[in-house]
Amino acid sequence: MLKKIFKYFRDKFLKNKINDSLKILKSSDRTFSKPINKIGCIIDTNLEIDYYQILELIEKIGLKEKDIKIISFSDTDFNDPFSKMRISNESINFYGNIVSNDANEFISYDYDLLINYFGDNKILTLISSKVNSKFRVGFDNTNKDINDIIFSNIFNNFAKFSSELIKYLKKIK
């Protein structure tokens, strides 16, 4: 019973932090322009994705590995291919504040493009909402307020996601 109460209040504080952060994000002036020089990528490792697929996408965009920062969410340390910058449930404290050095470092950069490769994950939503990025892409099963382009029917299919993203980026001036 006490655990349920604790979880309820933790979720409530986290939701309030997300809402506050989304208000700031909505009021910010974000204008996408080419060229894309710096990409941020927020990954949920519970989805089927490989580090090399991300590198292929970056090459198709015309960038190199040094031009991308990746932060990954994982429930365990075991077999996380994105372990350079990693977050977990412990990255957010009871009050919904980010306490992870990796998350704070990721947020400190400015990006031309932010790829939100995750579903309904409140911790990743909070981190994404705090990132300074000119343009954001993600899926329809995330919070719709964090993305400029929202892809449907391709959740957890990185090959299709990559292909669609390249098409959209070519059309945008």
C-alpha atoms as a PDB file:
ATOM      1  CA  MET A   1       0.000   0.000   0.000  1.00  0.00           C
ATOM      2  CA  LEU A   2       2.781   2.420   0.912  1.00  0.00           C
ATOM      3  CA  LYS A   3       4.599   1.576  -2.324  1.00  0.00           C
ATOM      4  CA  LYS A   4       1.513   2.492  -4.350  1.00  0.00           C
ATOM      5  CA  ILE A   5       1.207   5.839  -2.581  1.00  0.00           C
ATOM      6  CA  PHE A   6       4.902   6.524  -3.121  1.00  0.00           C
ATOM      7  CA  LYS A   7       4.621   5.648  -6.813  1.00  0.00           C
ATOM      8  CA  TYR A   8       1.492   7.793  -7.198  1.00  0.00           C
ATOM      9  CA  PHE A   9       3.220  10.891  -5.816  1.00  0.00           C
ATOM     10  CA  ARG A  10       6.434  10.241  -7.769  1.00  0.00           C
ATOM     11  CA  ASP A  11       4.416   9.977 -11.007  1.00  0.00           C
ATOM     12  CA  LYS A  12       2.456  13.110 -10.095  1.00  0.00           C
ATOM     13  CA  PHE A  13       5.645  15.137  -9.514  1.00  0.00           C
ATOM     14  CA  LEU A  14       7.144  13.811 -12.757  1.00  0.00           C
ATOM     15  CA  LYS A  15       4.001  14.682 -14.717  1.00  0.00           C
ATOM     16  CA  ASN A  16       4.081  18.231 -13.302  1.00  0.00           C
ATOM     17  CA  LYS A  17       7.748  18.621 -14.333  1.00  0.00           C
ATOM     18  CA  ILE A  18       6.902  17.411 -17.845  1.00  0.00           C
ATOM     19  CA  ASN A  19       3.973  19.824 -18.137  1.00  0.00           C
ATOM     20  CA  ASP A  20       6.093  22.760 -16.933  1.00  0.00           C
ATOM     21  CA  SER A  21       8.854  21.869 -19.359  1.00  0.00           C
ATOM     22  CA  LEU A  22       6.394  21.465 -22.259  1.00  0.00           C
ATOM     23  CA  LYS A  23       5.002  24.957 -21.613  1.00  0.00           C
ATOM     24  CA  ILE A  24       8.496  26.390 -21.968  1.00  0.00           C
ATOM     25  CA  LEU A  25       9.125  24.278 -25.082  1.00  0.00           C
ATOM     26  CA  LYS A  26       5.889  25.464 -26.733  1.00  0.00           C
ATOM     27  CA  SER A  27       6.738  29.100 -26.066  1.00  0.00           C
ATOM     28  CA  SER A  28      10.257  28.803 -27.495  1.00  0.00           C
ATOM     29  CA  ASP A  29      10.986  30.027 -30.995  1.00  0.00           C
ATOM     30  CA  ARG A  30      12.261  27.035 -32.930  1.00  0.00           C
ATOM     31  CA  THR A  31      12.985  27.400 -36.609  1.00  0.00           C
ATOM     32  CA  PHE A  32      14.430  24.541 -38.599  1.00  0.00           C
ATOM     33  CA  SER A  33      17.042  25.397 -41.145  1.00  0.00           C
ATOM     34  CA  LYS A  34      19.621  23.457 -43.048  1.00  0.00           C
ATOM     35  CA  PRO A  35      22.351  22.427 -42.834  1.00  0.00           C
ATOM     36  CA  ILE A  36      22.053  19.917 -40.048  1.00  0.00           C
ATOM     37  CA  ASN A  37      25.332  19.949 -38.151  1.00  0.00           C
ATOM     38  CA  LYS A  38      24.474  18.389 -34.794  1.00  0.00           C
ATOM     39  CA  ILE A  39      21.983  15.609 -34.010  1.00  0.00           C
ATOM     40  CA  GLY A  40      20.736  14.419 -30.648  1.00  0.00           C
ATOM     41  CA  CYS A  41      19.163  11.005 -30.322  1.00  0.00           C
ATOM     42  CA  ILE A  42      17.143   9.699 -27.380  1.00  0.00           C
ATOM     43  CA  ILE A  43      16.818   5.921 -27.557  1.00  0.00           C
ATOM     44  CA  ASP A  44      14.777   3.416 -25.606  1.00  0.00           C
ATOM     45  CA  THR A  45      16.897   0.253 -25.694  1.00  0.00           C
ATOM     46  CA  ASN A  46      13.777  -1.832 -25.118  1.00  0.00           C
ATOM     47  CA  LEU A  47      13.016  -1.165 -28.796  1.00  0.00           C
ATOM     48  CA  GLU A  48      14.687  -3.024 -31.616  1.00  0.00           C
ATOM     49  CA  ILE A  49      17.498  -0.757 -32.740  1.00  0.00           C
ATOM     50  CA  ASP A  50      21.168  -1.200 -33.378  1.00  0.00           C
ATOM     51  CA  TYR A  51      23.924   1.386 -32.953  1.00  0.00           C
ATOM     52  CA  TYR A  52      25.098   0.758 -36.518  1.00  0.00           C
ATOM     53  CA  GLN A  53      21.644   1.577 -37.889  1.00  0.00           C
ATOM     54  CA  ILE A  54      21.955   5.003 -36.304  1.00  0.00           C
ATOM     55  CA  LEU A  55      25.398   5.472 -37.849  1.00  0.00           C
ATOM     56  CA  GLU A  56      23.972   4.564 -41.268  1.00  0.00           C
ATOM     57  CA  LEU A  57      21.229   7.170 -40.828  1.00  0.00           C
ATOM     58  CA  ILE A  58      23.781   9.799 -39.826  1.00  0.00           C
ATOM     59  CA  GLU A  59      25.844   9.014 -42.932  1.00  0.00           C
ATOM     60  CA  LYS A  60      22.738   9.348 -45.139  1.00  0.00           C
ATOM     61  CA  ILE A  61      22.112  12.774 -43.622  1.00  0.00           C
ATOM     62  CA  GLY A  62      25.717  13.661 -44.476  1.00  0.00           C
ATOM     63  CA  LEU A  63      27.257  13.697 -41.010  1.00  0.00           C
ATOM     64  CA  LYS A  64      29.866  11.718 -39.137  1.00  0.00           C
ATOM     65  CA  GLU A  65      29.721   9.847 -35.835  1.00  0.00           C
ATOM     66  CA  LYS A  66      31.254  12.838 -34.019  1.00  0.00           C
ATOM     67  CA  ASP A  67      28.207  14.944 -34.998  1.00  0.00           C
ATOM     68  CA  ILE A  68      25.724  12.917 -32.949  1.00  0.00           C
ATOM     69  CA  LYS A  69      25.073  12.577 -29.241  1.00  0.00           C
ATOM     70  CA  ILE A  70      23.095   9.530 -28.163  1.00  0.00           C
ATOM     71  CA  ILE A  71      21.522   8.955 -24.792  1.00  0.00           C
ATOM     72  CA  SER A  72      19.827   5.662 -24.070  1.00  0.00           C
ATOM     73  CA  PHE A  73      17.293   4.485 -21.546  1.00  0.00           C
ATOM     74  CA  SER A  74      17.701   1.000 -20.169  1.00  0.00           C
ATOM     75  CA  ASP A  75      16.251  -0.885 -17.241  1.00  0.00           C
ATOM     76  CA  THR A  76      19.486  -2.868 -16.845  1.00  0.00           C
ATOM     77  CA  ASP A  77      23.216  -2.419 -17.476  1.00  0.00           C
ATOM     78  CA  PHE A  78      23.347  -5.717 -19.295  1.00  0.00           C
ATOM     79  CA  ASN A  79      24.067  -5.582 -23.010  1.00  0.00           C
ATOM     80  CA  ASP A  80      23.354  -1.889 -23.597  1.00  0.00           C
ATOM     81  CA  PRO A  81      25.041  -1.003 -26.913  1.00  0.00           C
ATOM     82  CA  PHE A  82      24.532   2.708 -26.222  1.00  0.00           C
ATOM     83  CA  SER A  83      26.287   2.728 -22.867  1.00  0.00           C
ATOM     84  CA  LYS A  84      28.305   5.948 -23.359  1.00  0.00           C
ATOM     85  CA  MET A  85      25.441   8.123 -22.110  1.00  0.00           C
ATOM     86  CA  ARG A  86      22.818   6.156 -20.240  1.00  0.00           C
ATOM     87  CA  ILE A  87      19.759   6.883 -18.146  1.00  0.00           C
ATOM     88  CA  SER A  88      17.408   4.715 -16.144  1.00  0.00           C
ATOM     89  CA  ASN A  89      14.510   5.046 -13.738  1.00  0.00           C
ATOM     90  CA  GLU A  90      17.009   6.250 -11.130  1.00  0.00           C
ATOM     91  CA  SER A  91      17.925   9.265 -13.313  1.00  0.00           C
ATOM     92  CA  ILE A  92      14.876  11.124 -11.980  1.00  0.00           C
ATOM     93  CA  ASN A  93      14.385  11.658  -8.261  1.00  0.00           C
ATOM     94  CA  PHE A  94      11.128  11.461  -6.312  1.00  0.00           C
ATOM     95  CA  TYR A  95      10.274  15.090  -7.132  1.00  0.00           C
ATOM     96  CA  GLY A  96      10.750  14.663 -10.885  1.00  0.00           C
ATOM     97  CA  ASN A  97      14.142  16.373 -11.010  1.00  0.00           C
ATOM     98  CA  ILE A  98      16.869  15.066 -13.278  1.00  0.00           C
ATOM     99  CA  VAL A  99      19.753  13.780 -11.157  1.00  0.00           C
ATOM    100  CA  SER A 100      21.749  11.994 -13.854  1.00  0.00           C
ATOM    101  CA  ASN A 101      25.023  13.565 -14.999  1.00  0.00           C
ATOM    102  CA  ASP A 102      24.591  11.924 -18.415  1.00  0.00           C
ATOM    103  CA  ALA A 103      21.091  13.386 -18.834  1.00  0.00           C
ATOM    104  CA  ASN A 104      22.233  16.836 -17.739  1.00  0.00           C
ATOM    105  CA  GLU A 105      25.198  16.679 -20.132  1.00  0.00           C
ATOM    106  CA  PHE A 106      22.941  15.605 -23.017  1.00  0.00           C
ATOM    107  CA  ILE A 107      20.528  18.458 -22.284  1.00  0.00           C
ATOM    108  CA  SER A 108      23.371  20.991 -22.178  1.00  0.00           C
ATOM    109  CA  TYR A 109      24.030  20.713 -25.939  1.00  0.00           C
ATOM    110  CA  ASP A 110      22.133  22.483 -28.725  1.00  0.00           C
ATOM    111  CA  TYR A 111      20.978  20.313 -31.616  1.00  0.00           C
ATOM    112  CA  ASP A 112      19.752  21.014 -35.120  1.00  0.00           C
ATOM    113  CA  LEU A 113      17.727  17.783 -35.059  1.00  0.00           C
ATOM    114  CA  LEU A 114      16.503  15.695 -32.130  1.00  0.00           C
ATOM    115  CA  ILE A 115      15.433  12.123 -32.817  1.00  0.00           C
ATOM    116  CA  ASN A 116      13.049  10.816 -30.153  1.00  0.00           C
ATOM    117  CA  TYR A 117      13.188   7.065 -30.718  1.00  0.00           C
ATOM    118  CA  PHE A 118      10.952   5.972 -27.866  1.00  0.00           C
ATOM    119  CA  GLY A 119       7.318   5.325 -27.054  1.00  0.00           C
ATOM    120  CA  ASP A 120       5.348   6.235 -23.957  1.00  0.00           C
ATOM    121  CA  ASN A 121       8.190   6.822 -21.494  1.00  0.00           C
ATOM    122  CA  LYS A 122       7.794   9.721 -19.068  1.00  0.00           C
ATOM    123  CA  ILE A 123      11.486   9.935 -18.186  1.00  0.00           C
ATOM    124  CA  LEU A 124      12.486  10.196 -21.840  1.00  0.00           C
ATOM    125  CA  THR A 125       9.645  12.664 -22.459  1.00  0.00           C
ATOM    126  CA  LEU A 126      10.965  14.889 -19.682  1.00  0.00           C
ATOM    127  CA  ILE A 127      14.510  14.779 -21.011  1.00  0.00           C
ATOM    128  CA  SER A 128      13.354  15.447 -24.567  1.00  0.00           C
ATOM    129  CA  SER A 129      11.244  18.391 -23.470  1.00  0.00           C
ATOM    130  CA  LYS A 130      14.300  19.989 -21.865  1.00  0.00           C
ATOM    131  CA  VAL A 131      16.577  19.660 -24.908  1.00  0.00           C
ATOM    132  CA  ASN A 132      17.271  22.752 -26.994  1.00  0.00           C
ATOM    133  CA  SER A 133      16.714  21.607 -30.570  1.00  0.00           C
ATOM    134  CA  LYS A 134      15.590  23.412 -33.712  1.00  0.00           C
ATOM    135  CA  PHE A 135      13.618  20.413 -34.968  1.00  0.00           C
ATOM    136  CA  ARG A 136      12.289  17.188 -33.428  1.00  0.00           C
ATOM    137  CA  VAL A 137      11.010  13.916 -34.846  1.00  0.00           C
ATOM    138  CA  GLY A 138       9.349  10.988 -33.119  1.00  0.00           C
ATOM    139  CA  PHE A 139       6.361   8.695 -32.955  1.00  0.00           C
ATOM    140  CA  ASP A 140       2.629   9.123 -32.497  1.00  0.00           C
ATOM    141  CA  ASN A 141       2.620   7.076 -29.285  1.00  0.00           C
ATOM    142  CA  THR A 142       4.757   9.662 -27.458  1.00  0.00           C
ATOM    143  CA  ASN A 143       3.641  13.001 -26.111  1.00  0.00           C
ATOM    144  CA  LYS A 144       2.669  14.860 -29.287  1.00  0.00           C
ATOM    145  CA  ASP A 145       3.909  18.194 -27.925  1.00  0.00           C
ATOM    146  CA  ILE A 146       7.591  17.233 -28.088  1.00  0.00           C
ATOM    147  CA  ASN A 147       7.840  16.483 -31.829  1.00  0.00           C
ATOM    148  CA  ASP A 148       7.559  18.597 -34.973  1.00  0.00           C
ATOM    149  CA  ILE A 149       7.222  15.569 -37.257  1.00  0.00           C
ATOM    150  CA  ILE A 150       5.296  12.621 -35.895  1.00  0.00           C
ATOM    151  CA  PHE A 151       5.528   9.254 -37.618  1.00  0.00           C
ATOM    152  CA  SER A 152       2.680   6.768 -37.368  1.00  0.00           C
ATOM    153  CA  ASN A 153       2.520   3.069 -38.145  1.00  0.00           C
ATOM    154  CA  ILE A 154       6.297   2.627 -38.083  1.00  0.00           C
ATOM    155  CA  PHE A 155       6.934   2.428 -34.345  1.00  0.00           C
ATOM    156  CA  ASN A 156       9.870   0.146 -33.540  1.00  0.00           C
ATOM    157  CA  ASN A 157      10.890  -0.219 -37.191  1.00  0.00           C
ATOM    158  CA  PHE A 158      14.107   1.760 -37.512  1.00  0.00           C
ATOM    159  CA  ALA A 159      14.693   0.943 -41.194  1.00  0.00           C
ATOM    160  CA  LYS A 160      11.315   2.403 -42.144  1.00  0.00           C
ATOM    161  CA  PHE A 161      11.751   5.310 -39.718  1.00  0.00           C
ATOM    162  CA  SER A 162      15.143   6.131 -41.226  1.00  0.00           C
ATOM    163  CA  SER A 163      13.785   5.996 -44.766  1.00  0.00           C
ATOM    164  CA  GLU A 164      10.829   8.277 -43.937  1.00  0.00           C
ATOM    165  CA  LEU A 165      13.021  10.731 -42.049  1.00  0.00           C
ATOM    166  CA  ILE A 166      15.417  11.076 -44.991  1.00  0.00           C
ATOM    167  CA  LYS A 167      12.443  11.755 -47.308  1.00  0.00           C
ATOM    168  CA  TYR A 168      11.113  14.498 -45.032  1.00  0.00           C
ATOM    169  CA  LEU A 169      14.503  16.102 -44.529  1.00  0.00           C
ATOM    170  CA  LYS A 170      15.010  16.315 -48.304  1.00  0.00           C
ATOM    171  CA  LYS A 171      11.667  18.105 -48.693  1.00  0.00           C
ATOM    172  CA  ILE A 172      12.348  20.651 -45.967  1.00  0.00           C
ATOM    173  CA  LYS A 173      14.268  23.708 -47.097  1.00  0.00           C
END
